[in-house]
Protein backbone atom coordinates (compact mmCIF):
# COMPACT_ATOMS: atom_id res chain seq x y z
CA MET A 1 0.22 0.06 0.52
CA PRO A 2 1.58 3.50 -0.64
CA GLY A 3 2.37 4.97 2.16
CA ALA A 4 2.68 2.39 3.99
CA SER A 5 6.55 2.41 5.03
CA SER A 6 5.77 5.83 6.84
CA MET A 7 3.57 4.01 8.98
CA SER A 8 5.05 4.27 12.42
CA PRO A 9 5.96 0.55 14.35
CA VAL A 10 2.47 0.95 16.47
CA LEU A 11 -0.03 1.92 13.69
CA ALA A 12 1.84 -1.11 11.71
CA GLY A 13 0.72 -3.02 14.40
CA VAL A 14 -2.76 -1.51 15.23
CA ASP A 15 -3.86 -1.69 11.33
CA VAL A 16 -2.95 -5.87 11.00
CA GLY A 17 -4.77 -6.23 14.62
CA VAL A 18 -7.65 -4.76 13.18
CA ASP A 19 -8.06 -7.17 10.63
CA VAL A 20 -7.05 -9.55 12.73
CA GLY A 21 -9.94 -8.37 15.72
CA VAL A 22 -12.75 -8.07 13.01
CA ASP A 23 -12.06 -11.55 11.47
CA VAL A 24 -11.86 -13.11 14.92
CA GLY A 25 -15.08 -11.71 16.81
CA GLU A 26 -17.01 -12.45 13.28
CA GLU A 27 -16.08 -16.22 13.73
CA VAL A 28 -16.60 -15.86 17.88
CA GLY A 29 -19.76 -14.08 18.11
CA VAL A 30 -21.66 -15.06 15.51
CA GLY A 31 -24.97 -17.69 16.78
CA ALA A 32 -27.34 -16.49 19.81
CA GLY A 33 -26.60 -18.56 23.37
CA GLY A 34 -22.59 -18.58 23.14
CA CYS A 35 -19.87 -19.10 21.34
CA GLU A 36 -16.99 -21.43 19.98
CA LEU A 37 -13.53 -21.07 18.93
CA GLU A 38 -12.88 -22.77 14.98
CA GLY A 39 -10.03 -24.40 13.90
CA SER A 40 -9.15 -21.87 11.80
CA LEU A 41 -8.87 -19.37 14.59
CA PRO A 42 -6.01 -20.59 16.30
CA VAL A 43 -4.26 -20.91 12.80
CA ALA A 44 -5.02 -17.36 12.01
CA LEU A 45 -3.88 -15.50 15.32
CA VAL A 46 -0.64 -17.18 14.26
CA PHE A 47 0.48 -16.76 11.45
CA ALA A 48 -0.83 -12.99 11.66
CA MET A 49 1.70 -12.58 14.42
CA LEU A 50 4.33 -14.71 12.86
CA GLY A 51 4.02 -12.69 9.35
CA SER A 52 3.67 -9.14 11.68
CA MET A 53 7.80 -10.36 13.50
CA PHE A 54 8.98 -10.96 10.30
CA THR A 55 11.21 -7.73 10.36
CA ARG A 56 14.94 -7.41 11.43
CA SER A 57 13.74 -4.76 13.82
CA PRO A 58 12.87 -6.22 17.36
CA ARG A 59 10.93 -3.08 17.69
CA LEU A 60 8.44 -2.88 14.82
CA ALA A 61 8.18 -6.68 15.17
CA ILE A 62 7.56 -5.95 19.29
CA ALA A 63 5.15 -2.92 18.27
CA ARG A 64 2.91 -4.68 15.46
CA SER A 65 2.90 -8.14 18.10
CA CYS A 66 1.21 -6.51 20.53
CA GLY A 67 -1.69 -4.60 18.44
CA ILE A 68 -2.20 -7.73 17.68
CA ILE A 69 -2.64 -9.03 20.73
CA ALA A 70 -4.69 -5.96 22.22
CA LEU A 71 -7.03 -6.11 18.92
CA GLY A 72 -7.08 -9.52 18.59
CA MET A 73 -9.11 -9.86 22.04
CA CYS A 74 -10.71 -6.89 21.27
CA GLY A 75 -12.15 -8.84 18.81
CA LEU A 76 -12.76 -11.26 20.52
CA LEU A 77 -15.04 -9.48 23.24
CA GLY A 78 -17.19 -7.33 20.08
CA ASN A 79 -20.25 -10.43 20.31
CA PRO A 80 -22.64 -8.96 17.67
CA ALA A 81 -24.87 -11.11 18.65
CA SER A 82 -25.73 -9.79 22.21
CA GLY A 83 -27.20 -6.92 22.36
CA GLN A 84 -29.88 -7.65 19.97
CA GLN A 85 -33.30 -9.11 21.26
CA THR A 86 -35.99 -11.16 19.84
CA PRO A 87 -39.19 -8.89 18.97
CA THR A 88 -42.44 -9.48 20.93
CA SER A 89 -45.17 -10.56 19.39
CA PRO A 90 -48.57 -7.78 19.57
CA THR A 91 -50.87 -9.04 21.12
CA SER A 92 -54.84 -7.95 20.73
CA PRO A 93 -56.91 -6.05 22.96
CA THR A 94 -58.65 -8.54 25.77
CA THR A 95 -61.52 -7.81 27.57
CA PRO A 96 -61.61 -6.04 31.01
CA THR A 97 -61.47 -9.01 34.11
CA THR A 98 -63.53 -8.42 37.33
CA PRO A 99 -60.65 -7.64 39.96
CA THR A 100 -60.50 -10.94 42.38
CA THR A 101 -58.88 -11.01 45.55
CA PRO A 102 -55.23 -10.76 46.15
CA THR A 103 -53.71 -13.63 47.25
CA THR A 104 -50.71 -14.38 48.91
CA PRO A 105 -47.89 -15.60 46.82
CA ALA A 106 -46.31 -18.97 46.79
CA SER A 107 -42.95 -19.02 48.03
CA PRO A 108 -40.53 -20.33 45.12
CA PRO A 109 -39.35 -24.48 45.79
CA PRO A 110 -36.12 -25.10 46.91
CA PRO A 111 -33.97 -25.83 44.31
CA THR A 112 -32.82 -29.20 43.35
CA SER A 113 -29.39 -30.62 42.86
CA ALA A 114 -29.74 -30.77 39.54
CA SER A 115 -30.31 -27.50 39.37
CA ALA A 116 -27.65 -26.29 41.38
CA ALA A 117 -25.50 -28.35 39.10
CA ALA A 118 -26.31 -26.54 36.39
CA THR A 119 -25.99 -23.56 37.56
CA ASP A 120 -22.37 -23.97 38.64
CA SER A 121 -21.69 -25.53 35.43
CA ALA A 122 -22.83 -22.41 33.22
CA ALA A 123 -20.74 -20.67 35.38
CA PRO A 124 -17.06 -19.45 34.32
CA ARG A 125 -13.89 -20.81 35.53
CA SER A 126 -11.96 -19.12 38.10
CA PHE A 127 -8.64 -19.79 39.15
CA ALA A 128 -10.17 -22.82 41.85
CA ASP A 129 -10.76 -25.07 38.72
CA HIS A 130 -6.83 -25.83 37.79
CA PRO A 131 -5.14 -28.82 38.74
CA SER A 132 -3.61 -28.02 41.76
CA TRP A 133 -0.06 -28.54 39.86
CA THR A 134 0.72 -28.52 36.56
CA LEU A 135 4.47 -29.83 34.90
CA ARG A 136 5.04 -27.51 31.60
CA PHE A 137 8.33 -28.64 29.65
CA GLU A 138 8.90 -26.31 26.71
CA PRO A 139 11.58 -27.35 23.81
CA ALA A 140 12.13 -25.40 21.45
CA ALA A 141 14.67 -24.18 18.47
CA TRP A 142 15.55 -20.66 18.09
CA TYR A 143 16.96 -18.99 14.60
CA ALA A 144 18.98 -16.36 16.17
CA SER A 145 21.48 -14.02 15.23
CA ALA A 146 23.98 -11.89 16.78
CA GLU A 147 24.87 -8.35 16.59
CA GLY A 148 27.06 -5.86 18.63
CA ASN A 149 30.25 -4.59 19.99
CA LEU A 150 33.19 -6.69 21.13
CA ARG A 151 36.38 -5.78 22.61
CA LEU A 152 39.28 -8.48 23.86
CA PRO A 153 42.01 -8.36 26.32
CA GLY A 154 45.56 -8.17 25.32
CA ALA A 155 45.97 -4.50 25.21
CA PRO A 156 45.53 -1.31 26.85
CA SER A 157 41.79 0.11 26.80
CA SER A 158 43.11 3.26 25.03
CA THR A 159 45.05 1.58 21.83
CA GLN A 160 41.72 -1.25 21.64
CA THR A 161 39.18 -1.15 18.73
CA GLU A 162 35.93 -1.72 19.58
CA PHE A 163 34.20 -4.33 16.81
CA GLU A 164 31.76 -5.09 15.30
CA LEU A 165 30.73 -8.73 15.78
CA LYS A 166 29.57 -8.04 11.61
CA SER A 167 33.20 -7.61 10.69
CA PHE A 168 34.07 -11.19 11.77
CA ASP A 169 30.54 -12.71 10.21
CA LEU A 170 29.33 -13.28 14.03
CA ASP A 171 26.26 -11.72 13.17
CA GLU A 172 24.58 -15.00 10.85
CA PRO A 173 22.32 -16.26 11.77
CA ALA A 174 22.12 -20.09 13.52
CA TRP A 175 19.72 -22.51 15.26
CA ALA A 176 20.63 -22.46 18.42
CA PRO A 177 18.75 -25.18 21.28
CA MET A 178 16.32 -23.04 23.70
CA GLY A 179 14.10 -24.65 26.85
CA PHE A 180 11.75 -23.98 29.12
CA VAL A 181 10.09 -25.96 32.26
CA HIS A 182 7.11 -24.53 34.92
CA VAL A 183 6.08 -26.17 37.84
CA GLN A 184 2.60 -25.22 38.71
CA ILE A 185 1.50 -25.14 42.35
CA GLU A 186 -1.47 -22.90 42.95
CA ARG A 187 -0.21 -19.77 42.43
CA TRP A 188 2.81 -20.04 42.40
CA ARG A 189 5.41 -21.58 39.59
CA ILE A 190 8.50 -21.48 39.26
CA SER A 191 10.85 -21.97 35.76
CA ALA A 192 14.17 -22.68 34.43
CA GLY A 193 15.19 -22.22 31.09
CA GLY A 194 18.30 -21.56 29.10
CA PHE A 195 19.16 -21.31 25.36
CA ALA A 196 23.24 -21.96 23.79
CA PHE A 197 23.75 -20.07 20.20
CA SER A 198 26.97 -20.53 18.80
CA SER A 199 28.66 -18.75 15.33
CA ASP A 200 32.12 -20.84 14.44
CA ASP A 201 34.60 -21.24 11.79
CA ASN A 202 34.20 -17.84 10.08
CA THR A 203 36.21 -17.16 7.43
CA THR A 204 36.09 -13.33 6.71
CA ASN A 205 38.30 -10.39 5.76
CA VAL A 206 37.38 -7.84 8.12
CA ASP A 207 36.18 -4.33 6.96
CA GLU A 208 38.03 -1.92 10.58
CA SER A 209 41.09 -1.52 11.64
CA GLY A 210 42.82 -1.00 15.20
CA THR A 211 43.85 -3.33 17.19
CA LEU A 212 41.76 -5.80 19.29
CA GLY A 213 42.96 -7.89 21.88
CA THR A 214 46.74 -8.94 21.07
CA LEU A 215 46.16 -8.65 16.72
CA SER A 216 46.82 -5.83 14.87
CA LEU A 217 44.18 -5.70 11.65
CA SER A 218 43.26 -3.80 8.63
CA ALA A 219 41.13 -3.12 6.56
CA GLY A 220 41.30 -6.34 4.22
CA ASP A 221 42.73 -8.81 6.53
CA GLN A 222 41.66 -12.21 6.74
CA VAL A 223 40.54 -13.91 10.38
CA ARG A 224 38.94 -16.88 11.56
CA SER A 225 36.91 -15.91 14.29
CA GLY A 226 34.24 -18.19 16.44
CA LEU A 227 31.99 -17.16 18.87
CA ASP A 228 29.26 -19.29 22.05
CA PHE A 229 27.37 -18.02 24.21
CA TRP A 230 24.40 -19.42 26.58
CA SER A 231 22.05 -18.29 29.09
CA VAL A 232 20.31 -20.08 31.90
CA GLU A 233 18.01 -18.89 34.12
CA ILE A 234 15.72 -20.17 37.11
CA GLU A 235 12.17 -17.64 38.03
CA ALA A 236 9.55 -17.73 40.52
CA ALA A 237 6.52 -16.00 40.13
CA TYR A 238 3.23 -15.22 41.45
CA ARG A 239 -0.33 -15.06 39.47
CA LEU A 240 -1.82 -11.82 40.57
CA LEU A 241 -4.49 -12.41 38.40
CA HIS A 242 -6.49 -15.69 36.43
CA GLU A 243 -9.99 -14.09 35.74
CA PRO A 244 -12.14 -15.63 33.59
CA LEU A 245 -14.56 -13.37 30.46
CA GLY A 246 -17.67 -14.88 29.28
CA THR A 247 -18.83 -18.27 28.79
CA MET A 248 -19.32 -20.54 25.95
CA GLU A 249 -22.16 -23.15 25.80
CA ASN A 250 -20.55 -25.62 27.72
CA GLY A 251 -20.52 -22.94 30.45
CA LYS A 252 -16.34 -23.30 30.14
CA PRO A 253 -14.94 -19.67 29.91
CA ARG A 254 -14.21 -17.52 26.25
CA ILE A 255 -11.40 -16.18 27.95
CA VAL A 256 -8.69 -15.95 31.08
CA PHE A 257 -6.95 -13.73 31.74
CA GLY A 258 -3.47 -14.18 33.54
CA LEU A 259 -0.54 -11.51 35.47
CA GLU A 260 2.59 -12.97 37.01
CA PRO A 261 4.84 -10.64 38.42
CA LEU A 262 7.95 -12.91 38.61
CA VAL A 263 12.01 -12.43 40.05
CA GLY A 264 15.00 -15.05 39.09
CA VAL A 265 18.79 -14.64 38.50
CA ARG A 266 20.00 -15.57 35.44
CA MET A 267 24.16 -16.81 34.13
CA TYR A 268 25.82 -15.76 30.94
CA SER A 269 29.06 -17.45 29.33
CA ALA A 270 30.53 -15.93 26.68
CA ASP A 271 34.06 -17.14 24.48
CA VAL A 272 35.88 -15.71 21.37
CA ASP A 273 38.60 -16.61 19.83
CA VAL A 274 40.24 -14.59 16.85
CA GLU A 275 42.36 -16.06 14.65
CA ALA A 276 44.03 -12.98 11.65
CA LEU A 277 45.34 -15.38 9.01
CA SER A 278 47.05 -12.84 7.12
CA GLY A 279 48.51 -8.88 7.12
CA ALA A 280 50.85 -8.35 10.79
CA SER A 281 49.56 -10.08 12.83
CA ALA A 282 49.19 -13.71 10.92
CA GLY A 283 48.92 -16.85 12.46
CA MET A 284 48.65 -14.82 15.42
CA ARG A 285 45.74 -15.36 18.41
CA THR A 286 43.17 -13.47 20.67
CA GLY A 287 40.62 -14.03 22.71
CA GLY A 288 38.43 -13.85 25.81
CA ASP A 289 35.88 -15.76 27.67
CA ASP A 290 34.11 -14.96 30.92
CA THR A 291 31.03 -15.62 33.26
CA PHE A 292 27.94 -13.32 34.33
CA PHE A 293 25.52 -13.46 37.09
CA GLU A 294 22.63 -11.09 37.35
CA PRO A 295 19.65 -11.25 40.08
CA ILE A 296 16.51 -10.51 37.11
CA PHE A 297 12.63 -8.69 37.57
CA GLY A 298 9.87 -8.76 35.10
CA VAL A 299 6.45 -9.53 34.92
CA LYS A 300 4.50 -11.92 32.29
CA PHE A 301 0.92 -11.99 30.78
CA GLU A 302 -1.05 -14.50 29.58
CA ALA A 303 -4.39 -14.58 27.14
CA GLU A 304 -5.77 -18.53 27.13
CA PHE A 305 -9.24 -18.81 24.32
CA ALA A 306 -11.61 -21.12 24.66
CA GLU A 307 -8.72 -23.82 26.34
CA GLN A 308 -7.01 -23.88 23.21
CA PHE A 309 -4.85 -21.07 22.12
CA THR A 310 -2.85 -18.69 24.03
CA ILE A 311 -0.54 -15.77 23.48
CA ASP A 312 1.94 -14.58 26.03
CA VAL A 313 4.16 -11.80 26.66
CA GLN A 314 7.38 -11.73 29.32
CA THR A 315 9.13 -9.46 29.68
CA ASP A 316 12.01 -8.66 32.23
CA PHE A 317 15.61 -6.46 33.11
CA GLY A 318 18.56 -8.01 34.85
CA ILE A 319 21.47 -5.89 36.22
CA GLY A 320 24.04 -7.44 38.22
CA PRO A 321 27.44 -5.01 39.26
CA TRP A 322 29.76 -7.72 41.03
CA GLY A 323 32.93 -5.63 41.26
CA GLU A 324 34.64 -6.01 38.30
CA THR A 325 32.27 -7.33 36.20
CA GLU A 326 29.23 -5.76 35.21
CA SER A 327 25.91 -7.10 33.78
CA ALA A 328 22.81 -5.82 32.13
CA SER A 329 19.96 -7.31 30.36
CA TRP A 330 16.76 -6.51 29.25
CA ASP A 331 14.43 -10.13 27.31
CA ILE A 332 11.15 -9.94 26.27
CA ILE A 333 9.35 -13.41 24.97
CA VAL A 334 6.45 -12.68 22.70
CA GLY A 335 4.66 -16.20 21.90
CA GLY A 336 1.59 -18.20 20.45
CA THR A 337 0.68 -21.55 21.52
CA TRP A 338 -2.20 -24.04 19.66
CA ARG A 339 -3.80 -26.97 21.82
CA PRO A 340 -5.13 -28.91 19.15
CA ILE A 341 -5.74 -32.14 22.04
CA PRO A 342 -5.26 -30.69 26.25
CA ASN A 343 -1.54 -32.16 26.93
CA VAL A 344 0.28 -31.23 23.69
CA GLY A 345 0.87 -28.10 21.89
CA VAL A 346 2.66 -26.39 19.05
CA ARG A 347 4.09 -23.13 20.10
CA ILE A 348 5.56 -20.39 17.76
CA GLY A 349 7.43 -16.49 18.68
CA TYR A 350 9.73 -14.41 19.07
CA ARG A 351 12.59 -13.71 21.02
CA ASN A 352 14.56 -10.09 22.38
CA LEU A 353 17.78 -10.47 24.46
CA TRP A 354 19.72 -7.40 24.72
CA PHE A 355 23.26 -7.69 26.74
CA ASP A 356 26.02 -5.61 27.90
CA LEU A 357 28.20 -7.77 29.20
CA GLU A 358 32.22 -5.97 30.22
CA SER A 359 35.35 -7.88 33.34
CA GLY A 360 38.19 -6.27 33.86
CA SER A 361 39.86 -3.57 33.12
CA ASP A 362 42.41 -1.38 31.20
CA SER A 363 44.74 -4.60 29.24
CA GLU A 364 42.48 -7.07 30.64
CA GLN A 365 38.91 -6.01 29.69
CA PHE A 366 36.21 -7.49 28.21
CA ARG A 367 33.67 -6.34 26.85
CA LEU A 368 30.37 -7.93 24.94
CA ASP A 369 27.52 -6.07 23.98
CA GLY A 370 24.73 -6.02 21.58
CA SER A 371 22.18 -8.47 21.40
CA VAL A 372 21.01 -11.66 19.81
CA ALA A 373 17.40 -11.94 18.38
CA GLY A 374 15.03 -13.82 16.50
CA LEU A 375 12.00 -16.16 15.54
CA PHE A 376 11.39 -19.85 17.04
CA ALA A 377 9.37 -22.62 16.99
CA GLY A 378 8.90 -26.04 19.13
CA ILE A 379 6.09 -28.26 21.79
CA GLU A 380 4.76 -27.40 24.20
CA LEU A 381 3.86 -30.33 25.76
CA ARG A 382 1.61 -30.55 30.14
CA PHE A 383 1.18 -33.15 33.03
């Protein structure tokens, strides 16, 4: 559409979200007396979110995804069938009757066990209706790429140059294993997870000049490089909100919203190796590695539709000033899960982890700052 390139990220997300919301509203809101999610609804939302994320700008992807989530929910909440009233047939005038002596109204009969059970089944499901505990596995493959800057120990900081990762082809996308394990005990959740990203044996000609560790590099020198970067984290969350909204014909909730603040700890390990194959430092190698720890604080929002489709957004921040080792991070995960059967789901989403890791000082300074971001796909298993 002409002029679309000038559209702001939020408006772009809202534009896509409106289309999804309208389609969802038409799909869910039809028919008097309730609604049911068709099989096409989860697939439509999943592919709409996936299409909006296919961009090299993480901020644009996040804005579009949030627009889709918000307005998709608006579509679900807008039931065109609600508010319609069945017109009553006009009645013919009747002959006035002779007034009778008023009688005492009879007391209503006590509710039977059958009627009480029917009332209970039609009520929206609350948090108490969930199992007291659940175990959930989420193995996934993350197609991610790294970007940022690098500084290695080996020379005084005044002579060091920060090289971009792309100068060594360390920004090439690669598949990385990623996964989480969640244990839900009533309102408490304990989770553990991590990933392992690797980009090895990259041979290229650098396009920058300067000093990297013990190497003196000039533009055009050939180098071989590798990066191993992995992280693990443990977090605890408390479910502040878990409320149903609306009911379907079978009495189950139409939408269930969840909100969880969380705290935890994250550990990183970074290992970089660079070898000069030509130029003044031909045959020499340099590298650096270190481990970093930091506490994290964040929140997770979740919306479940008809117990079949779930959209979740989790974001957290971390900071770890521990002596000569410092770290900071911001992580955001936007995911969608479709469960064709109750305990097995298909999950896709987008993750962007920004970090700034630094250790040592002067000639021993090691620094890696940037981000690892990309789409992921996996499965969900519930027990």
